[in-house]
Every structure is written in structure tokens, then in C-alpha cells.
Amino acid sequence: MPAARRPGGRWRRWRRGRPFTAGVLIALGGVEMLVTLRAPLGVLLHVGPQGLAAYLVPAVLVLCGVLLIATPQQRVFYAVLSLLLGLVSWLTSNLGGFLIGMLLTLVGGALAFAWTPDKRREPAGAAATPPATGPETTDEDDDRDAGTALLPGARTPDPTPADRG
């Protein structure tokens, strides 16, 4: 009988397969900037192109956040665009939504830029097969390399005759 699956397993896999937190932070930063633009404060004044940029920058940030979640393959472009627009919002959108929206956007852009997909996972239909060992591999070699960690994507070098003994 198969083991019971935890609820939310598909959601968790989908969410971890993309820069979800980064996209949500960027979108929240843009929404916060839009909300502060509509705040009933008499000190804030938007005239001409400055007024258009005040609405355009947060709207593009919300779009970047949604697209970052929907298409993680383009994460670098959306991350750089979000970082630039987050900095531009300081001038165009009431000090970047009174700093809160700008900080949310900058943190989300940095997370998106740093995010990488997990390449260690195997496709769902792939069967787990142990790696084949060659005739030159011994248990002695395995014990010696037991504490060695490889970087992702790195391969172990072939042993030279001097290494074999």
C-alpha cells in the first residue's frame, strides 16, 4: 500500500520550482507604492510626466512580480528590471512608497537574482539506479572520499596512476 502523501505536496513542489517569495515581494512592493499614490495626503503632488511615471513604475513592478512567478526562466531580466525600478521609485513614487515599497522591491529583486532552480531532482518517472562502479573503484577509495562534497554540476576526477597506489 503506498504511503499517504502529505497535503500540499504539489503546491510545495510548484512553489519551490520558481522564485515564488521574490515574485510576491516584488508584487507587494509595487502594490504598496500604488496604494501610497492614492493616499489622501495634501503634501504629495503629481503633475505631467512625473505623475505618469508615478503610476507606471509600480504597475510594471507588479507585472514583474507576477511574471517572475509565471516564467522563472526569465528571472534574471525580471530581477534586474525590478531592482532598477525599485531604485527609480525613490524619485517617482513618493520616496518609493515611503521606503516600504522600495525595500520590498529591492529585497525581492535580490532574491530573484540569487535564486537558481534545483537541478538535483530527478523526473517523476525516472527510476533510481545506483551508479555503476568501474573495475578501478574499490571500497578503500570510497572510504577516503566519504567526507568530500562536490559542487553542483561537478564530476569527480579520474584517479591518476599515482593516486591508485
N, C-alpha and C. Protein backbone atom coordinates (compact mmCIF):
# COMPACT_ATOMS: atom_id res chain seq x y z
N MET A 1 0.84 -1.16 0.00
CA MET A 1 0.00 0.00 0.00
C MET A 1 0.90 1.24 0.00
N PRO A 2 0.65 2.21 -0.90
CA PRO A 2 1.52 3.38 -0.95
C PRO A 2 1.36 4.25 0.29
N ALA A 3 2.45 4.89 0.63
CA ALA A 3 2.43 5.78 1.80
C ALA A 3 1.52 6.97 1.51
N ALA A 4 0.87 7.46 2.54
CA ALA A 4 -0.02 8.61 2.39
C ALA A 4 0.80 9.85 2.07
N ARG A 5 0.37 10.59 1.08
CA ARG A 5 1.08 11.82 0.70
C ARG A 5 0.59 12.96 1.58
N ARG A 6 1.52 13.81 1.91
CA ARG A 6 1.16 14.97 2.73
C ARG A 6 0.34 15.95 1.90
N PRO A 7 -0.66 16.57 2.50
CA PRO A 7 -1.43 17.56 1.75
C PRO A 7 -0.54 18.76 1.40
N GLY A 8 -0.75 19.29 0.24
CA GLY A 8 0.04 20.44 -0.19
C GLY A 8 1.35 20.07 -0.85
N GLY A 9 1.57 18.81 -1.14
CA GLY A 9 2.82 18.39 -1.75
C GLY A 9 3.02 18.95 -3.15
N ARG A 10 1.96 18.94 -3.94
CA ARG A 10 2.06 19.50 -5.30
C ARG A 10 2.28 21.01 -5.24
N TRP A 11 1.58 21.68 -4.34
CA TRP A 11 1.75 23.13 -4.18
C TRP A 11 3.19 23.46 -3.77
N ARG A 12 3.71 22.68 -2.82
CA ARG A 12 5.08 22.91 -2.34
C ARG A 12 6.09 22.71 -3.47
N ARG A 13 5.94 21.66 -4.27
CA ARG A 13 6.86 21.43 -5.39
C ARG A 13 6.76 22.54 -6.42
N TRP A 14 5.53 22.98 -6.72
CA TRP A 14 5.36 24.06 -7.69
C TRP A 14 5.99 25.35 -7.18
N ARG A 15 5.75 25.66 -5.91
CA ARG A 15 6.27 26.89 -5.33
C ARG A 15 7.79 26.88 -5.26
N ARG A 16 8.40 25.75 -4.93
CA ARG A 16 9.86 25.67 -4.82
C ARG A 16 10.52 25.60 -6.19
N GLY A 17 9.77 25.34 -7.23
CA GLY A 17 10.33 25.26 -8.56
C GLY A 17 10.44 26.61 -9.24
N ARG A 18 10.20 27.68 -8.52
CA ARG A 18 10.25 29.04 -9.07
C ARG A 18 10.56 30.02 -7.96
N PRO A 19 11.00 31.24 -8.29
CA PRO A 19 11.31 32.22 -7.24
C PRO A 19 10.03 32.86 -6.68
N PHE A 20 9.25 32.07 -5.98
CA PHE A 20 7.93 32.47 -5.53
C PHE A 20 7.99 33.63 -4.54
N THR A 21 8.80 33.50 -3.51
CA THR A 21 8.88 34.55 -2.49
C THR A 21 9.35 35.87 -3.09
N ALA A 22 10.31 35.79 -4.00
CA ALA A 22 10.81 37.00 -4.65
C ALA A 22 9.71 37.68 -5.46
N GLY A 23 8.94 36.90 -6.21
CA GLY A 23 7.86 37.47 -7.00
C GLY A 23 6.78 38.10 -6.14
N VAL A 24 6.46 37.45 -5.02
CA VAL A 24 5.45 38.01 -4.12
C VAL A 24 5.95 39.31 -3.50
N LEU A 25 7.21 39.36 -3.10
CA LEU A 25 7.75 40.59 -2.51
C LEU A 25 7.77 41.74 -3.51
N ILE A 26 8.14 41.45 -4.75
CA ILE A 26 8.17 42.49 -5.78
C ILE A 26 6.76 43.00 -6.05
N ALA A 27 5.82 42.09 -6.19
CA ALA A 27 4.43 42.50 -6.44
C ALA A 27 3.87 43.29 -5.26
N LEU A 28 4.15 42.86 -4.03
CA LEU A 28 3.68 43.60 -2.85
C LEU A 28 4.30 44.99 -2.78
N GLY A 29 5.57 45.10 -3.15
CA GLY A 29 6.21 46.41 -3.18
C GLY A 29 5.54 47.34 -4.18
N GLY A 30 5.21 46.82 -5.36
CA GLY A 30 4.51 47.63 -6.36
C GLY A 30 3.11 48.01 -5.91
N VAL A 31 2.39 47.09 -5.29
CA VAL A 31 1.04 47.39 -4.79
C VAL A 31 1.12 48.44 -3.69
N GLU A 32 2.10 48.33 -2.82
CA GLU A 32 2.24 49.30 -1.74
C GLU A 32 2.52 50.69 -2.30
N MET A 33 3.34 50.76 -3.36
CA MET A 33 3.60 52.06 -3.98
C MET A 33 2.33 52.64 -4.62
N LEU A 34 1.54 51.77 -5.26
CA LEU A 34 0.28 52.25 -5.84
C LEU A 34 -0.68 52.74 -4.77
N VAL A 35 -0.72 52.07 -3.63
CA VAL A 35 -1.61 52.47 -2.54
C VAL A 35 -1.17 53.82 -1.98
N THR A 36 0.13 54.03 -1.83
CA THR A 36 0.58 55.31 -1.28
C THR A 36 0.34 56.46 -2.25
N LEU A 37 0.26 56.16 -3.54
CA LEU A 37 -0.06 57.22 -4.51
C LEU A 37 -1.49 57.70 -4.33
N ARG A 38 -2.36 56.82 -3.91
CA ARG A 38 -3.76 57.17 -3.73
C ARG A 38 -4.05 57.66 -2.31
N ALA A 39 -3.02 57.78 -1.49
CA ALA A 39 -3.21 58.24 -0.11
C ALA A 39 -3.69 59.69 -0.11
N PRO A 40 -4.62 60.03 0.76
CA PRO A 40 -5.16 61.39 0.80
C PRO A 40 -4.23 62.35 1.56
N LEU A 41 -3.02 62.51 1.05
CA LEU A 41 -2.08 63.43 1.68
C LEU A 41 -1.93 64.64 0.78
N GLY A 42 -2.11 65.83 1.33
CA GLY A 42 -2.04 67.05 0.54
C GLY A 42 -0.63 67.45 0.16
N VAL A 43 0.37 66.84 0.76
CA VAL A 43 1.76 67.20 0.50
C VAL A 43 2.22 66.66 -0.85
N LEU A 44 1.65 65.55 -1.28
CA LEU A 44 2.10 64.88 -2.49
C LEU A 44 1.42 65.48 -3.70
N LEU A 45 2.21 65.79 -4.72
CA LEU A 45 1.69 66.41 -5.93
C LEU A 45 2.26 65.70 -7.15
N HIS A 46 1.40 65.33 -8.08
CA HIS A 46 1.82 64.64 -9.29
C HIS A 46 1.33 65.42 -10.48
N VAL A 47 2.26 65.91 -11.27
CA VAL A 47 1.90 66.72 -12.43
C VAL A 47 2.69 66.23 -13.63
N GLY A 48 2.05 66.15 -14.79
CA GLY A 48 2.72 65.85 -16.06
C GLY A 48 3.36 64.48 -16.10
N PRO A 49 4.52 64.39 -16.76
CA PRO A 49 5.18 63.09 -16.91
C PRO A 49 5.54 62.45 -15.57
N GLN A 50 5.84 63.27 -14.59
CA GLN A 50 6.14 62.73 -13.26
C GLN A 50 4.94 61.96 -12.71
N GLY A 51 3.74 62.46 -12.94
CA GLY A 51 2.55 61.76 -12.48
C GLY A 51 2.36 60.44 -13.20
N LEU A 52 2.65 60.40 -14.50
CA LEU A 52 2.55 59.15 -15.26
C LEU A 52 3.56 58.13 -14.76
N ALA A 53 4.80 58.57 -14.53
CA ALA A 53 5.84 57.66 -14.04
C ALA A 53 5.49 57.14 -12.65
N ALA A 54 4.81 57.95 -11.86
CA ALA A 54 4.44 57.53 -10.52
C ALA A 54 3.49 56.34 -10.55
N TYR A 55 2.66 56.24 -11.57
CA TYR A 55 1.76 55.09 -11.72
C TYR A 55 2.38 53.97 -12.55
N LEU A 56 3.23 54.33 -13.49
CA LEU A 56 3.81 53.34 -14.41
C LEU A 56 4.83 52.45 -13.70
N VAL A 57 5.70 53.02 -12.89
CA VAL A 57 6.74 52.24 -12.22
C VAL A 57 6.14 51.16 -11.31
N PRO A 58 5.21 51.48 -10.41
CA PRO A 58 4.63 50.42 -9.58
C PRO A 58 3.84 49.39 -10.38
N ALA A 59 3.16 49.83 -11.44
CA ALA A 59 2.41 48.88 -12.26
C ALA A 59 3.34 47.89 -12.93
N VAL A 60 4.48 48.35 -13.43
CA VAL A 60 5.45 47.45 -14.05
C VAL A 60 6.06 46.54 -13.00
N LEU A 61 6.24 47.02 -11.78
CA LEU A 61 6.77 46.17 -10.71
C LEU A 61 5.79 45.05 -10.36
N VAL A 62 4.52 45.36 -10.30
CA VAL A 62 3.52 44.31 -10.04
C VAL A 62 3.57 43.28 -11.18
N LEU A 63 3.65 43.76 -12.41
CA LEU A 63 3.73 42.87 -13.55
C LEU A 63 5.00 42.02 -13.49
N CYS A 64 6.13 42.60 -13.11
CA CYS A 64 7.38 41.84 -12.98
C CYS A 64 7.24 40.74 -11.92
N GLY A 65 6.60 41.06 -10.80
CA GLY A 65 6.40 40.05 -9.76
C GLY A 65 5.56 38.88 -10.23
N VAL A 66 4.49 39.17 -10.95
CA VAL A 66 3.62 38.10 -11.45
C VAL A 66 4.35 37.29 -12.52
N LEU A 67 5.04 37.96 -13.44
CA LEU A 67 5.75 37.25 -14.49
C LEU A 67 6.93 36.45 -13.94
N LEU A 68 7.53 36.91 -12.88
CA LEU A 68 8.62 36.16 -12.25
C LEU A 68 8.12 34.82 -11.72
N ILE A 69 6.92 34.83 -11.18
CA ILE A 69 6.34 33.58 -10.69
C ILE A 69 5.89 32.70 -11.86
N ALA A 70 5.34 33.32 -12.89
CA ALA A 70 4.79 32.55 -14.01
C ALA A 70 5.88 31.99 -14.93
N THR A 71 6.94 32.76 -15.16
CA THR A 71 8.01 32.32 -16.07
C THR A 71 9.37 32.48 -15.40
N PRO A 72 9.76 31.51 -14.57
CA PRO A 72 11.03 31.64 -13.84
C PRO A 72 12.26 31.56 -14.75
N GLN A 73 12.10 31.14 -16.00
CA GLN A 73 13.24 31.06 -16.91
C GLN A 73 13.81 32.45 -17.19
N GLN A 74 13.00 33.48 -17.08
CA GLN A 74 13.42 34.86 -17.35
C GLN A 74 13.75 35.62 -16.07
N ARG A 75 14.10 34.91 -15.02
CA ARG A 75 14.26 35.52 -13.70
C ARG A 75 15.33 36.61 -13.65
N VAL A 76 16.41 36.47 -14.40
CA VAL A 76 17.48 37.47 -14.34
C VAL A 76 16.98 38.80 -14.89
N PHE A 77 16.27 38.78 -16.01
CA PHE A 77 15.74 40.01 -16.61
C PHE A 77 14.77 40.69 -15.65
N TYR A 78 13.82 39.91 -15.11
CA TYR A 78 12.84 40.49 -14.19
C TYR A 78 13.50 40.98 -12.91
N ALA A 79 14.52 40.29 -12.44
CA ALA A 79 15.21 40.71 -11.22
C ALA A 79 15.94 42.04 -11.43
N VAL A 80 16.67 42.15 -12.54
CA VAL A 80 17.40 43.39 -12.81
C VAL A 80 16.43 44.54 -13.04
N LEU A 81 15.36 44.28 -13.79
CA LEU A 81 14.36 45.32 -14.04
C LEU A 81 13.70 45.76 -12.72
N SER A 82 13.41 44.82 -11.85
CA SER A 82 12.80 45.14 -10.55
C SER A 82 13.75 45.95 -9.68
N LEU A 83 15.02 45.59 -9.69
CA LEU A 83 16.00 46.34 -8.90
C LEU A 83 16.12 47.77 -9.41
N LEU A 84 16.19 47.93 -10.73
CA LEU A 84 16.30 49.28 -11.30
C LEU A 84 15.04 50.11 -11.02
N LEU A 85 13.88 49.51 -11.24
CA LEU A 85 12.64 50.24 -11.00
C LEU A 85 12.44 50.53 -9.51
N GLY A 86 12.91 49.64 -8.65
CA GLY A 86 12.83 49.89 -7.21
C GLY A 86 13.64 51.12 -6.83
N LEU A 87 14.80 51.28 -7.45
CA LEU A 87 15.62 52.47 -7.18
C LEU A 87 14.99 53.72 -7.80
N VAL A 88 14.42 53.59 -9.00
CA VAL A 88 13.78 54.73 -9.66
C VAL A 88 12.55 55.17 -8.87
N SER A 89 11.90 54.24 -8.18
CA SER A 89 10.69 54.59 -7.43
C SER A 89 10.98 55.60 -6.32
N TRP A 90 12.21 55.68 -5.88
CA TRP A 90 12.58 56.68 -4.88
C TRP A 90 12.24 58.08 -5.37
N LEU A 91 12.45 58.31 -6.68
CA LEU A 91 12.20 59.63 -7.26
C LEU A 91 10.77 59.80 -7.77
N THR A 92 10.16 58.72 -8.22
CA THR A 92 8.88 58.86 -8.91
C THR A 92 7.66 58.56 -8.05
N SER A 93 7.79 57.72 -7.05
CA SER A 93 6.61 57.23 -6.32
C SER A 93 6.68 57.53 -4.83
N ASN A 94 6.69 58.80 -4.47
CA ASN A 94 6.65 59.20 -3.06
C ASN A 94 7.71 58.50 -2.23
N LEU A 95 8.94 58.71 -2.58
CA LEU A 95 10.08 58.09 -1.89
C LEU A 95 9.96 56.57 -1.86
N GLY A 96 9.56 56.01 -2.99
CA GLY A 96 9.45 54.56 -3.09
C GLY A 96 8.37 53.99 -2.22
N GLY A 97 7.23 54.68 -2.14
CA GLY A 97 6.15 54.20 -1.27
C GLY A 97 6.53 54.36 0.19
N PHE A 98 7.11 55.51 0.52
CA PHE A 98 7.59 55.80 1.87
C PHE A 98 8.57 54.72 2.35
N LEU A 99 9.49 54.36 1.49
CA LEU A 99 10.57 53.40 1.73
C LEU A 99 10.11 51.95 1.82
N ILE A 100 8.91 51.69 2.25
CA ILE A 100 8.46 50.31 2.45
C ILE A 100 8.37 49.58 1.12
N GLY A 101 7.72 50.15 0.14
CA GLY A 101 7.60 49.52 -1.17
C GLY A 101 8.94 49.35 -1.85
N MET A 102 9.80 50.35 -1.73
CA MET A 102 11.12 50.27 -2.34
C MET A 102 11.93 49.14 -1.70
N LEU A 103 11.91 49.03 -0.39
CA LEU A 103 12.66 47.97 0.28
C LEU A 103 12.12 46.59 -0.06
N LEU A 104 10.79 46.45 -0.11
CA LEU A 104 10.21 45.16 -0.52
C LEU A 104 10.66 44.78 -1.92
N THR A 105 10.67 45.76 -2.81
CA THR A 105 11.06 45.51 -4.20
C THR A 105 12.53 45.16 -4.30
N LEU A 106 13.38 45.86 -3.58
CA LEU A 106 14.82 45.59 -3.64
C LEU A 106 15.17 44.22 -3.05
N VAL A 107 14.53 43.87 -1.95
CA VAL A 107 14.77 42.54 -1.36
C VAL A 107 14.26 41.45 -2.30
N GLY A 108 13.07 41.65 -2.87
CA GLY A 108 12.53 40.67 -3.82
C GLY A 108 13.40 40.55 -5.06
N GLY A 109 13.90 41.66 -5.58
CA GLY A 109 14.78 41.61 -6.75
C GLY A 109 16.08 40.90 -6.45
N ALA A 110 16.64 41.12 -5.26
CA ALA A 110 17.87 40.42 -4.89
C ALA A 110 17.62 38.92 -4.73
N LEU A 111 16.50 38.55 -4.13
CA LEU A 111 16.16 37.13 -4.00
C LEU A 111 15.96 36.48 -5.37
N ALA A 112 15.30 37.21 -6.27
CA ALA A 112 15.07 36.66 -7.61
C ALA A 112 16.38 36.48 -8.36
N PHE A 113 17.28 37.42 -8.20
CA PHE A 113 18.56 37.33 -8.89
C PHE A 113 19.39 36.18 -8.34
N ALA A 114 19.29 35.92 -7.05
CA ALA A 114 20.08 34.87 -6.42
C ALA A 114 19.47 33.48 -6.57
N TRP A 115 18.19 33.39 -6.92
CA TRP A 115 17.50 32.10 -6.98
C TRP A 115 18.01 31.28 -8.15
N THR A 116 18.21 29.99 -7.93
CA THR A 116 18.57 29.06 -9.00
C THR A 116 17.68 27.83 -8.88
N PRO A 117 17.33 27.22 -10.01
CA PRO A 117 16.49 26.02 -9.93
C PRO A 117 17.28 24.86 -9.34
N ASP A 118 16.57 23.96 -8.69
CA ASP A 118 17.18 22.78 -8.09
C ASP A 118 17.39 21.74 -9.17
N LYS A 119 18.63 21.47 -9.52
CA LYS A 119 18.92 20.51 -10.60
C LYS A 119 19.15 19.10 -10.09
N ARG A 120 19.11 18.91 -8.78
CA ARG A 120 19.35 17.57 -8.23
C ARG A 120 18.14 16.66 -8.34
N ARG A 121 16.98 17.23 -8.51
CA ARG A 121 15.75 16.41 -8.55
C ARG A 121 15.68 15.64 -9.85
N GLU A 122 15.22 14.39 -9.73
CA GLU A 122 15.03 13.55 -10.90
C GLU A 122 13.59 13.69 -11.38
N PRO A 123 13.33 13.47 -12.67
CA PRO A 123 11.95 13.49 -13.14
C PRO A 123 11.14 12.42 -12.40
N ALA A 124 9.84 12.66 -12.30
CA ALA A 124 8.98 11.79 -11.52
C ALA A 124 8.98 10.34 -12.02
N GLY A 125 9.11 10.12 -13.33
CA GLY A 125 9.07 8.78 -13.88
C GLY A 125 10.41 8.07 -13.89
N ALA A 126 11.48 8.74 -13.53
CA ALA A 126 12.81 8.14 -13.59
C ALA A 126 13.00 7.20 -12.40
N ALA A 127 13.54 6.05 -12.68
CA ALA A 127 13.80 5.09 -11.63
C ALA A 127 15.18 5.37 -11.05
N ALA A 128 15.30 5.20 -9.75
CA ALA A 128 16.59 5.43 -9.10
C ALA A 128 17.46 4.21 -9.30
N THR A 129 18.56 4.38 -10.02
CA THR A 129 19.50 3.30 -10.24
C THR A 129 20.82 3.69 -9.63
N PRO A 130 21.48 2.77 -8.96
CA PRO A 130 22.77 3.11 -8.37
C PRO A 130 23.81 3.31 -9.47
N PRO A 131 24.77 4.20 -9.27
CA PRO A 131 25.79 4.42 -10.29
C PRO A 131 26.66 3.18 -10.45
N ALA A 132 27.04 2.94 -11.69
CA ALA A 132 27.89 1.79 -11.98
C ALA A 132 29.30 2.09 -11.52
N THR A 133 29.92 1.09 -10.91
CA THR A 133 31.30 1.27 -10.46
C THR A 133 32.21 0.53 -11.43
N GLY A 134 33.30 1.15 -11.73
CA GLY A 134 34.26 0.55 -12.65
C GLY A 134 35.19 -0.39 -11.92
N PRO A 135 36.04 -1.11 -12.65
CA PRO A 135 36.94 -2.06 -12.01
C PRO A 135 38.00 -1.38 -11.16
N GLU A 136 38.31 -0.11 -11.45
CA GLU A 136 39.36 0.55 -10.67
C GLU A 136 38.84 1.12 -9.36
N THR A 137 37.54 1.11 -9.12
CA THR A 137 36.99 1.66 -7.90
C THR A 137 36.97 0.58 -6.82
N THR A 138 37.47 0.93 -5.67
CA THR A 138 37.48 -0.02 -4.55
C THR A 138 36.79 0.62 -3.37
N ASP A 139 36.48 -0.20 -2.38
CA ASP A 139 35.87 0.31 -1.16
C ASP A 139 36.81 1.26 -0.44
N GLU A 140 38.11 1.03 -0.61
CA GLU A 140 39.12 1.87 0.02
C GLU A 140 39.00 3.31 -0.51
N ASP A 141 38.80 3.47 -1.84
CA ASP A 141 38.64 4.79 -2.43
C ASP A 141 37.37 5.46 -1.93
N ASP A 142 36.31 4.69 -1.80
CA ASP A 142 35.05 5.25 -1.33
C ASP A 142 35.18 5.76 0.11
N ASP A 143 35.90 5.02 0.96
CA ASP A 143 36.09 5.44 2.34
C ASP A 143 36.92 6.72 2.41
N ARG A 144 37.92 6.84 1.55
CA ARG A 144 38.78 8.02 1.57
C ARG A 144 38.01 9.27 1.14
N ASP A 145 37.06 9.14 0.18
CA ASP A 145 36.32 10.28 -0.35
C ASP A 145 34.97 10.47 0.34
N ALA A 146 34.73 9.76 1.44
CA ALA A 146 33.41 9.81 2.08
C ALA A 146 33.06 11.21 2.57
N GLY A 147 34.03 11.98 3.04
CA GLY A 147 33.73 13.31 3.57
C GLY A 147 33.86 14.41 2.54
N THR A 148 34.12 14.07 1.29
CA THR A 148 34.32 15.07 0.25
C THR A 148 32.98 15.47 -0.35
N ALA A 149 32.72 16.76 -0.41
CA ALA A 149 31.48 17.26 -1.02
C ALA A 149 31.82 17.91 -2.35
N LEU A 150 31.03 17.60 -3.37
CA LEU A 150 31.23 18.18 -4.68
C LEU A 150 30.29 19.36 -4.88
N LEU A 151 30.73 20.32 -5.65
CA LEU A 151 29.86 21.43 -6.03
C LEU A 151 28.81 20.92 -6.99
N PRO A 152 27.63 21.57 -7.06
CA PRO A 152 26.61 21.13 -8.01
C PRO A 152 27.14 21.16 -9.44
N GLY A 153 26.95 20.09 -10.15
CA GLY A 153 27.38 20.00 -11.54
C GLY A 153 28.81 19.53 -11.71
N ALA A 154 29.57 19.38 -10.61
CA ALA A 154 30.96 18.95 -10.71
C ALA A 154 31.03 17.43 -10.75
N ARG A 155 32.04 16.94 -11.44
CA ARG A 155 32.25 15.49 -11.51
C ARG A 155 33.54 15.15 -10.79
N THR A 156 33.61 13.92 -10.30
CA THR A 156 34.85 13.50 -9.65
C THR A 156 35.89 13.26 -10.73
N PRO A 157 37.13 13.69 -10.48
CA PRO A 157 38.18 13.46 -11.47
C PRO A 157 38.58 12.00 -11.49
N ASP A 158 39.03 11.54 -12.64
CA ASP A 158 39.54 10.18 -12.75
C ASP A 158 40.85 10.10 -11.98
N PRO A 159 41.03 9.05 -11.22
CA PRO A 159 42.28 8.94 -10.45
C PRO A 159 43.47 8.70 -11.37
N THR A 160 44.57 9.32 -11.04
CA THR A 160 45.80 9.12 -11.81
C THR A 160 46.49 7.86 -11.30
N PRO A 161 47.44 7.32 -12.05
CA PRO A 161 48.14 6.11 -11.56
C PRO A 161 48.78 6.32 -10.20
N ALA A 162 49.24 7.54 -9.90
CA ALA A 162 49.86 7.80 -8.60
C ALA A 162 48.81 7.73 -7.49
N ASP A 163 47.57 8.12 -7.79
CA ASP A 163 46.51 8.07 -6.79
C ASP A 163 46.05 6.65 -6.50
N ARG A 164 46.20 5.77 -7.49
CA ARG A 164 45.70 4.39 -7.33
C ARG A 164 46.60 3.57 -6.42
N GLY A 165 47.79 3.98 -6.18
CA GLY A 165 48.60 3.24 -5.24
C GLY A 165 49.84 2.76 -5.81
